Amino acid sequence: MAHKSGFVNIIGSPNVGKSTLMNQMMGEKFSIITSKAQTTRHRILGIVNDDDYQIVFSDTPGVLDPHYALHKNMMSFVNAAMKDGDVILFVTDIYETKMNHQATFERLKKTSIPVILLVNKIDQADQARMEERIEYWAKEMPNAEILPISALEGFNLEPIKKRILELIPESPPYYGKDEISDRPMRFFVSEMIREKIFMHYKKEIPYACQVEVEEYIEDDKIIKIRAIIYVERNTQKGIVIGHQGNKLKHVGIDARKDIQKFVEKHVHLELFVKVDKDWRGDDKKLQKHGY
């Protein structure tokens, strides 16, 4: 049997379950998940290896109309994913009446790349609602293959993998068979910290935060991590730290638990907060922060 390799890009509106699907397909938590929109900011590759195949999944930010330079950079990841995949997984859910970004939807309708359209969250819908959504998308995207799923419950995901393996080309692996991502450990640590920020703070604060791992030192027994949380204004810095540092302390405790589970080693985590004024709207600052 010839070896197969391919790139599978996950695209859709914010909060339809793209990152949950990515994590399920990977078999572990790669992308951070919160109930807030725009949680995913980067394009994150996750590599699934077997003797006969390599599938490179790509989680992308939710499509949106840009309001900051950051949003433009996030959409550049989506636009790249529209071009360079062997398969596109277009994720919607039973609540979405139409895709929120018409330009991206028009490109999806015209693409020559095979599209598997996944109607997610069917565990939250009755049969009539599910059938109505499938009928709607069948009319809107007649060239797409449509499959109802529940990414959260892991329902109906095996047929996705089976169809992907039928669609991707014969090819040697693009990455080493022992690799699971193109991202370094520091990236995943920063994302786990950022997830806890989304969980502990409300309104604008999580969106104004950027996390950078300044120090990552590993020995046989412990990993020492020093991370900086950047905010845009001094008032935000005070909110993130909280009274006597209590808010920041809780973020650190929760993040450390997830990091230890991911790296399977004891972790000492230090968090600091700094102001990088209006970093979301400055191209040079965005480049410094990896966007």
Protein backbone atom coordinates (compact mmCIF):
# COMPACT_ATOMS: atom_id res chain seq x y z
CA MET A 1 0.00 0.00 0.00
CA ALA A 2 1.40 3.39 -1.05
CA HIS A 3 1.96 6.02 1.62
CA LYS A 4 -0.46 9.00 1.63
CA SER A 5 0.09 12.48 3.01
CA GLY A 6 -2.06 15.58 2.89
CA PHE A 7 -3.01 18.91 4.40
CA VAL A 8 -6.52 19.23 5.84
CA ASN A 9 -7.56 22.79 6.68
CA ILE A 10 -10.38 23.55 9.13
CA ILE A 11 -12.33 26.73 8.27
CA GLY A 12 -15.50 28.33 9.63
CA SER A 13 -17.11 31.13 11.61
CA PRO A 14 -16.10 31.85 15.22
CA ASN A 15 -17.47 29.48 17.88
CA VAL A 16 -18.77 26.75 15.59
CA GLY A 17 -16.41 24.17 17.12
CA LYS A 18 -13.33 24.17 14.88
CA SER A 19 -10.84 23.87 17.72
CA THR A 20 -12.90 21.16 19.45
CA LEU A 21 -12.89 19.21 16.19
CA MET A 22 -9.14 19.71 15.80
CA ASN A 23 -8.50 18.38 19.29
CA GLN A 24 -10.71 15.36 18.69
CA MET A 25 -8.99 14.52 15.40
CA MET A 26 -5.61 14.85 17.11
CA GLY A 27 -6.61 12.79 20.13
CA GLU A 28 -5.31 15.45 22.54
CA LYS A 29 -5.74 19.13 23.33
CA PHE A 30 -3.88 21.23 20.77
CA SER A 31 -6.09 24.28 20.30
CA ILE A 32 -7.44 26.32 23.20
CA ILE A 33 -11.20 26.39 23.60
CA THR A 34 -13.45 28.94 25.26
CA SER A 35 -17.04 30.10 24.78
CA LYS A 36 -15.78 33.49 23.54
CA ALA A 37 -15.33 34.29 19.85
CA GLN A 38 -11.89 34.89 18.33
CA THR A 39 -10.09 32.66 20.83
CA THR A 40 -7.91 31.12 18.10
CA ARG A 41 -5.50 33.71 16.68
CA HIS A 42 -2.92 31.60 14.87
CA ARG A 43 -2.90 28.83 12.33
CA ILE A 44 -1.98 25.71 14.30
CA LEU A 45 -0.81 22.52 12.61
CA GLY A 46 -1.42 19.13 14.22
CA ILE A 47 0.14 16.05 12.65
CA VAL A 48 -1.48 12.60 12.78
CA ASN A 49 0.89 9.79 11.85
CA ASP A 50 0.43 6.13 10.97
CA ASP A 51 2.57 3.64 9.07
CA ASP A 52 0.64 4.28 5.85
CA TYR A 53 -0.32 7.94 6.11
CA GLN A 54 0.32 11.38 7.54
CA ILE A 55 -2.55 13.86 7.93
CA VAL A 56 -1.60 17.46 8.70
CA PHE A 57 -4.60 19.20 10.24
CA SER A 58 -4.69 22.99 10.36
CA ASP A 59 -6.89 24.89 12.82
CA THR A 60 -7.53 28.49 11.72
CA PRO A 61 -9.05 31.59 13.35
CA GLY A 62 -12.78 32.14 12.88
CA VAL A 63 -13.50 34.22 9.79
CA LEU A 64 -14.44 37.85 10.52
CA ASP A 65 -14.42 41.40 9.19
CA PRO A 66 -11.18 42.96 10.50
CA HIS A 67 -11.39 45.80 13.04
CA TYR A 68 -7.73 45.72 14.11
CA ALA A 69 -4.46 45.03 12.34
CA LEU A 70 -4.46 41.84 14.42
CA HIS A 71 -7.70 40.74 12.75
CA LYS A 72 -6.20 41.33 9.29
CA ASN A 73 -3.28 39.11 10.21
CA MET A 74 -5.65 36.46 11.58
CA MET A 75 -7.60 36.52 8.31
CA SER A 76 -4.35 36.09 6.38
CA PHE A 77 -4.05 32.65 8.04
CA VAL A 78 -7.56 31.80 6.83
CA ASN A 79 -6.85 33.04 3.30
CA ALA A 80 -3.70 30.93 3.11
CA ALA A 81 -5.64 27.88 4.29
CA MET A 82 -8.11 28.39 1.43
CA LYS A 83 -5.30 27.85 -1.08
CA ASP A 84 -2.84 25.28 0.20
CA GLY A 85 -4.92 22.34 1.40
CA ASP A 86 -5.74 18.96 -0.11
CA VAL A 87 -9.06 18.91 1.77
CA ILE A 88 -11.09 21.66 3.46
CA LEU A 89 -13.25 20.88 6.48
CA PHE A 90 -15.84 23.66 6.49
CA VAL A 91 -17.40 23.67 9.96
CA THR A 92 -20.78 25.20 10.70
CA ASP A 93 -23.28 24.34 13.42
CA ILE A 94 -27.01 23.94 13.94
CA TYR A 95 -27.31 27.57 15.12
CA GLU A 96 -25.59 29.28 12.17
CA THR A 97 -28.15 30.40 9.62
CA LYS A 98 -25.51 31.48 7.09
CA MET A 99 -21.74 31.97 7.11
CA ASN A 100 -20.89 35.30 8.73
CA HIS A 101 -18.28 36.31 6.13
CA GLN A 102 -19.70 36.38 2.61
CA ALA A 103 -16.40 36.85 0.77
CA THR A 104 -14.92 33.73 2.35
CA PHE A 105 -18.11 31.79 1.67
CA GLU A 106 -18.04 32.73 -2.01
CA ARG A 107 -14.45 31.49 -2.23
CA LEU A 108 -15.47 28.23 -0.57
CA LYS A 109 -18.25 27.75 -3.12
CA LYS A 110 -15.82 28.23 -6.01
CA THR A 111 -12.80 26.33 -4.72
CA SER A 112 -11.50 23.31 -6.61
CA ILE A 113 -10.29 21.76 -3.33
CA PRO A 114 -12.63 19.03 -2.01
CA VAL A 115 -14.87 20.42 0.76
CA ILE A 116 -16.39 18.32 3.54
CA LEU A 117 -19.08 20.43 5.20
CA LEU A 118 -19.61 19.48 8.85
CA VAL A 119 -22.81 20.51 10.63
CA ASN A 120 -21.64 20.50 14.25
CA LYS A 121 -23.42 20.43 17.63
CA ILE A 122 -26.18 18.07 16.53
CA ASP A 123 -26.28 16.85 20.14
CA GLN A 124 -28.01 20.18 20.86
CA ALA A 125 -30.66 19.87 18.11
CA ASP A 126 -33.69 17.75 17.30
CA GLN A 127 -34.00 15.74 14.08
CA ALA A 128 -36.07 18.39 12.30
CA ARG A 129 -33.52 21.15 12.95
CA MET A 130 -30.63 18.97 11.82
CA GLU A 131 -32.41 17.99 8.59
CA GLU A 132 -33.32 21.63 7.90
CA ARG A 133 -29.69 22.72 8.24
CA ILE A 134 -28.43 19.89 6.02
CA GLU A 135 -31.01 20.76 3.37
CA TYR A 136 -30.01 24.44 3.52
CA TRP A 137 -26.29 23.76 3.10
CA ALA A 138 -26.91 21.20 0.33
CA LYS A 139 -28.56 23.99 -1.68
CA GLU A 140 -25.89 26.57 -0.85
CA MET A 141 -22.92 24.28 -1.49
CA PRO A 142 -24.01 21.47 -3.83
CA ASN A 143 -20.41 20.41 -4.48
CA ALA A 144 -19.63 19.80 -0.81
CA GLU A 145 -20.01 16.52 1.02
CA ILE A 146 -22.17 17.10 4.11
CA LEU A 147 -21.91 15.26 7.40
CA PRO A 148 -23.70 15.96 10.72
CA ILE A 149 -21.37 15.65 13.72
CA SER A 150 -20.90 16.42 17.38
CA ALA A 151 -17.25 17.35 17.88
CA LEU A 152 -17.77 17.68 21.64
CA GLU A 153 -19.26 14.20 21.95
CA GLY A 154 -16.98 12.67 19.30
CA PHE A 155 -20.02 11.58 17.26
CA ASN A 156 -19.63 10.67 13.57
CA LEU A 157 -15.96 11.67 13.38
CA GLU A 158 -14.59 8.36 12.09
CA PRO A 159 -16.22 8.82 8.63
CA ILE A 160 -14.37 12.16 8.34
CA LYS A 161 -11.00 10.48 8.73
CA LYS A 162 -11.97 7.69 6.34
CA ARG A 163 -13.00 10.20 3.66
CA ILE A 164 -9.85 12.29 4.20
CA LEU A 165 -7.69 9.22 3.58
CA GLU A 166 -9.57 8.61 0.33
CA LEU A 167 -9.03 12.21 -0.82
CA ILE A 168 -5.39 12.97 0.09
CA PRO A 169 -2.70 12.08 -2.46
CA GLU A 170 -0.03 9.43 -2.42
CA SER A 171 3.05 11.13 -1.04
CA PRO A 172 5.92 10.62 1.39
CA PRO A 173 5.44 12.33 4.78
CA TYR A 174 5.97 16.09 4.92
CA TYR A 175 7.17 15.96 8.54
CA GLY A 176 9.07 13.47 10.65
CA LYS A 177 6.90 10.61 11.86
CA ASP A 178 7.67 11.51 15.46
CA GLU A 179 6.44 15.11 15.08
CA ILE A 180 2.97 16.18 16.21
CA SER A 181 3.09 19.91 15.35
CA ASP A 182 5.15 22.59 13.65
CA ARG A 183 4.90 24.74 16.80
CA PRO A 184 7.44 24.74 19.65
CA MET A 185 6.51 23.94 23.24
CA ARG A 186 6.69 27.64 24.19
CA PHE A 187 3.79 28.33 21.84
CA PHE A 188 1.53 25.76 23.47
CA VAL A 189 2.44 27.03 26.93
CA SER A 190 1.54 30.60 25.94
CA GLU A 191 -1.77 29.40 24.47
CA MET A 192 -2.68 27.53 27.66
CA ILE A 193 -2.04 30.67 29.69
CA ARG A 194 -4.11 32.73 27.24
CA GLU A 195 -6.99 30.27 27.54
CA LYS A 196 -7.09 30.84 31.30
CA ILE A 197 -7.15 34.60 30.71
CA PHE A 198 -10.28 34.13 28.60
CA MET A 199 -11.83 32.13 31.42
CA HIS A 200 -10.97 34.51 34.28
CA TYR A 201 -11.62 37.92 32.72
CA LYS A 202 -14.61 39.48 30.98
CA LYS A 203 -15.37 41.89 28.14
CA GLU A 204 -12.34 43.38 26.35
CA ILE A 205 -9.56 42.20 28.67
CA PRO A 206 -8.86 38.77 27.08
CA TYR A 207 -8.72 40.29 23.60
CA ALA A 208 -6.22 42.95 24.73
CA CYS A 209 -3.84 40.31 26.14
CA GLN A 210 -0.92 38.64 24.42
CA VAL A 211 1.25 36.02 26.15
CA GLU A 212 4.96 35.50 25.50
CA VAL A 213 7.12 32.83 27.15
CA GLU A 214 10.41 34.54 28.01
CA GLU A 215 12.07 31.61 29.74
CA TYR A 216 11.61 27.85 29.42
CA ILE A 217 14.23 25.85 31.32
CA GLU A 218 13.87 22.09 31.62
CA ASP A 219 15.81 19.64 33.75
CA ASP A 220 15.14 16.06 34.82
CA LYS A 221 12.54 16.88 37.49
CA ILE A 222 11.03 20.31 36.74
CA ILE A 223 10.36 22.86 34.01
CA LYS A 224 10.79 26.50 35.00
CA ILE A 225 8.68 28.89 32.94
CA ARG A 226 8.60 32.68 33.01
CA ALA A 227 5.84 34.27 30.92
CA ILE A 228 4.80 37.85 30.22
CA ILE A 229 1.18 38.88 29.72
CA TYR A 230 1.12 42.00 27.55
CA VAL A 231 -1.84 44.38 27.74
CA GLU A 232 -2.56 47.62 25.90
CA ARG A 233 -3.16 50.03 28.79
CA ASN A 234 -2.20 50.55 32.43
CA THR A 235 -5.82 50.20 33.54
CA GLN A 236 -5.90 46.74 31.97
CA LYS A 237 -2.69 45.82 33.78
CA GLY A 238 -4.35 46.54 37.13
CA ILE A 239 -7.38 44.43 36.24
CA VAL A 240 -5.26 41.48 35.13
CA ILE A 241 -3.17 41.56 38.32
CA GLY A 242 -6.18 42.07 40.59
CA HIS A 243 -6.29 43.01 44.26
CA GLN A 244 -3.04 41.91 45.90
CA GLY A 245 -2.29 39.85 42.79
CA ASN A 246 -5.14 37.41 43.39
CA LYS A 247 -6.54 37.37 39.85
CA LEU A 248 -3.14 36.72 38.30
CA LYS A 249 -2.45 34.04 40.90
CA HIS A 250 -5.58 32.10 39.91
CA VAL A 251 -4.65 32.31 36.21
CA GLY A 252 -1.22 30.90 37.07
CA ILE A 253 -2.60 28.04 39.17
CA ASP A 254 -5.05 26.92 36.48
CA ALA A 255 -2.53 27.30 33.66
CA ARG A 256 0.14 25.36 35.54
CA LYS A 257 -2.21 22.38 35.95
CA ASP A 258 -2.83 22.19 32.19
CA ILE A 259 0.85 22.70 31.33
CA GLN A 260 1.92 19.92 33.72
CA LYS A 261 -0.59 17.57 32.13
CA PHE A 262 0.67 18.46 28.64
CA VAL A 263 4.41 18.15 29.39
CA GLU A 264 4.00 15.31 31.94
CA LYS A 265 6.43 16.95 34.34
CA HIS A 266 6.31 19.24 37.37
CA VAL A 267 6.16 22.93 36.37
CA HIS A 268 7.14 26.13 38.17
CA LEU A 269 5.32 29.01 36.45
CA GLU A 270 5.92 32.72 36.98
CA LEU A 271 3.59 35.29 35.38
CA PHE A 272 4.26 39.00 34.94
CA VAL A 273 2.14 41.73 33.34
CA LYS A 274 3.54 44.49 31.10
CA VAL A 275 2.00 47.24 28.97
CA ASP A 276 2.66 47.26 25.22
CA LYS A 277 0.49 50.18 24.18
CA ASP A 278 -2.08 49.45 21.43
CA TRP A 279 -0.16 46.39 20.22
CA ARG A 280 -3.18 45.03 18.30
CA GLY A 281 -3.15 47.95 15.88
CA ASP A 282 0.61 48.23 15.23
CA ASP A 283 2.08 46.08 12.45
CA LYS A 284 5.60 46.16 13.89
CA LYS A 285 4.38 45.10 17.32
CA LEU A 286 2.23 42.36 15.79
CA GLN A 287 5.29 41.05 13.96
CA LYS A 288 7.21 41.06 17.25
CA HIS A 289 4.43 39.01 18.83
CA GLY A 290 4.46 36.47 16.02
CA TYR A 291 1.53 37.59 13.86
